[in-house]
Amino acid sequence: MHTISTIAGSRRRTTPRRRLSGGHRGPRRGGWLMRVLMILAVWQARADDRSQLAQMDSHQLRDIGCGWFEIEAEIHKPFWRA
């Protein structure tokens, strides 16, 4: 008696496999939505990080090896800029 993995492994594919690299953009339905959600998550993380940096005092900034001028430049960036 064949197991499911043996049966599935022995089947022949009638249609060619799609390549994930190159021109393939992902699943047709919901692919764009997933990209938008990922971008929004990155933007939210940046905004949260910059908010936390703005709340740090000079001792904490020294601990992470940054000066106030570097942090001030970072916290004034828009959320969509890396």
C-alpha atoms as a PDB file:
ATOM      1  CA  MET A   1       0.000   0.000   0.000  1.00  0.00           C
ATOM      2  CA  HIS A   2       1.345   3.417  -0.967  1.00  0.00           C
ATOM      3  CA  THR A   3       1.521   6.264   1.470  1.00  0.00           C
ATOM      4  CA  ILE A   4       0.198   9.678   0.573  1.00  0.00           C
ATOM      5  CA  SER A   5       3.698  11.126   0.192  1.00  0.00           C
ATOM      6  CA  THR A   6       4.664   8.329  -2.198  1.00  0.00           C
ATOM      7  CA  ILE A   7       1.526   8.820  -4.276  1.00  0.00           C
ATOM      8  CA  ALA A   8       1.924  12.593  -4.324  1.00  0.00           C
ATOM      9  CA  GLY A   9       5.601  12.281  -5.209  1.00  0.00           C
ATOM     10  CA  SER A  10       4.944   9.957  -8.123  1.00  0.00           C
ATOM     11  CA  ARG A  11       2.336  12.121  -9.828  1.00  0.00           C
ATOM     12  CA  ARG A  12       3.316  13.976 -12.905  1.00  0.00           C
ATOM     13  CA  ARG A  13       2.642  17.650 -13.166  1.00  0.00           C
ATOM     14  CA  THR A  14       0.612  18.552 -16.247  1.00  0.00           C
ATOM     15  CA  THR A  15       1.202  22.286 -16.045  1.00  0.00           C
ATOM     16  CA  PRO A  16       4.622  23.918 -15.728  1.00  0.00           C
ATOM     17  CA  ARG A  17       5.595  25.251 -12.318  1.00  0.00           C
ATOM     18  CA  ARG A  18       5.694  28.989 -11.884  1.00  0.00           C
ATOM     19  CA  ARG A  19       8.987  30.465 -10.898  1.00  0.00           C
ATOM     20  CA  LEU A  20       8.944  32.639  -7.795  1.00  0.00           C
ATOM     21  CA  SER A  21      11.810  34.809  -8.947  1.00  0.00           C
ATOM     22  CA  GLY A  22      11.798  37.097 -11.918  1.00  0.00           C
ATOM     23  CA  GLY A  23       8.472  38.333 -13.211  1.00  0.00           C
ATOM     24  CA  HIS A  24       6.253  36.550 -10.708  1.00  0.00           C
ATOM     25  CA  ARG A  25       4.612  38.987  -8.308  1.00  0.00           C
ATOM     26  CA  GLY A  26       2.998  36.545  -5.913  1.00  0.00           C
ATOM     27  CA  PRO A  27      -0.544  35.270  -5.661  1.00  0.00           C
ATOM     28  CA  ARG A  28      -3.025  37.095  -7.826  1.00  0.00           C
ATOM     29  CA  ARG A  29      -5.633  37.626  -5.159  1.00  0.00           C
ATOM     30  CA  GLY A  30      -4.519  39.438  -2.037  1.00  0.00           C
ATOM     31  CA  GLY A  31      -0.899  39.909  -3.130  1.00  0.00           C
ATOM     32  CA  TRP A  32      -1.225  43.663  -3.314  1.00  0.00           C
ATOM     33  CA  LEU A  33      -3.059  43.738  -0.004  1.00  0.00           C
ATOM     34  CA  MET A  34      -0.263  41.806   1.707  1.00  0.00           C
ATOM     35  CA  ARG A  35       2.319  44.246   0.314  1.00  0.00           C
ATOM     36  CA  VAL A  36       0.310  47.222   1.564  1.00  0.00           C
ATOM     37  CA  LEU A  37      -0.058  45.668   5.021  1.00  0.00           C
ATOM     38  CA  MET A  38       3.680  44.964   5.172  1.00  0.00           C
ATOM     39  CA  ILE A  39       4.490  48.566   4.237  1.00  0.00           C
ATOM     40  CA  LEU A  40       2.080  49.864   6.865  1.00  0.00           C
ATOM     41  CA  ALA A  41       3.685  47.610   9.487  1.00  0.00           C
ATOM     42  CA  VAL A  42       7.154  48.942   8.609  1.00  0.00           C
ATOM     43  CA  TRP A  43       5.928  52.529   8.790  1.00  0.00           C
ATOM     44  CA  GLN A  44       4.306  51.892  12.178  1.00  0.00           C
ATOM     45  CA  ALA A  45       7.499  50.314  13.514  1.00  0.00           C
ATOM     46  CA  ARG A  46       9.536  53.328  12.356  1.00  0.00           C
ATOM     47  CA  ALA A  47       7.115  55.737  13.994  1.00  0.00           C
ATOM     48  CA  ASP A  48       7.222  53.728  17.244  1.00  0.00           C
ATOM     49  CA  ASP A  49      11.034  53.570  17.225  1.00  0.00           C
ATOM     50  CA  ARG A  50      11.323  57.302  16.641  1.00  0.00           C
ATOM     51  CA  SER A  51       8.841  58.015  19.398  1.00  0.00           C
ATOM     52  CA  GLN A  52      10.888  55.913  21.818  1.00  0.00           C
ATOM     53  CA  LEU A  53      14.087  57.676  20.752  1.00  0.00           C
ATOM     54  CA  ALA A  54      12.453  61.040  21.417  1.00  0.00           C
ATOM     55  CA  GLN A  55      11.684  59.979  24.998  1.00  0.00           C
ATOM     56  CA  MET A  56      15.266  58.928  25.851  1.00  0.00           C
ATOM     57  CA  ASP A  57      17.412  61.058  28.125  1.00  0.00           C
ATOM     58  CA  SER A  58      21.088  61.894  27.548  1.00  0.00           C
ATOM     59  CA  HIS A  59      22.310  58.951  29.674  1.00  0.00           C
ATOM     60  CA  GLN A  60      20.271  56.464  27.614  1.00  0.00           C
ATOM     61  CA  LEU A  61      21.485  58.058  24.385  1.00  0.00           C
ATOM     62  CA  ARG A  62      25.103  57.625  25.510  1.00  0.00           C
ATOM     63  CA  ASP A  63      24.375  53.979  26.305  1.00  0.00           C
ATOM     64  CA  ILE A  64      23.300  53.310  22.725  1.00  0.00           C
ATOM     65  CA  GLY A  65      26.215  55.354  21.346  1.00  0.00           C
ATOM     66  CA  CYS A  66      24.245  58.223  19.857  1.00  0.00           C
ATOM     67  CA  GLY A  67      24.272  61.939  20.408  1.00  0.00           C
ATOM     68  CA  TRP A  68      21.290  64.258  20.642  1.00  0.00           C
ATOM     69  CA  PHE A  69      21.952  65.772  17.201  1.00  0.00           C
ATOM     70  CA  GLU A  70      21.791  62.352  15.529  1.00  0.00           C
ATOM     71  CA  ILE A  71      18.601  61.480  17.365  1.00  0.00           C
ATOM     72  CA  GLU A  72      17.015  64.830  16.595  1.00  0.00           C
ATOM     73  CA  ALA A  73      17.668  64.328  12.882  1.00  0.00           C
ATOM     74  CA  GLU A  74      16.194  60.819  13.096  1.00  0.00           C
ATOM     75  CA  ILE A  75      13.024  61.717  14.993  1.00  0.00           C
ATOM     76  CA  HIS A  76      12.184  64.536  12.583  1.00  0.00           C
ATOM     77  CA  LYS A  77      12.174  62.248   9.546  1.00  0.00           C
ATOM     78  CA  PRO A  78       8.765  61.359   8.121  1.00  0.00           C
ATOM     79  CA  PHE A  79       7.644  57.795   8.889  1.00  0.00           C
ATOM     80  CA  TRP A  80       7.989  56.712   5.254  1.00  0.00           C
ATOM     81  CA  ARG A  81      11.717  57.524   5.148  1.00  0.00           C
ATOM     82  CA  ALA A  82      14.221  54.917   6.314  1.00  0.00           C
END
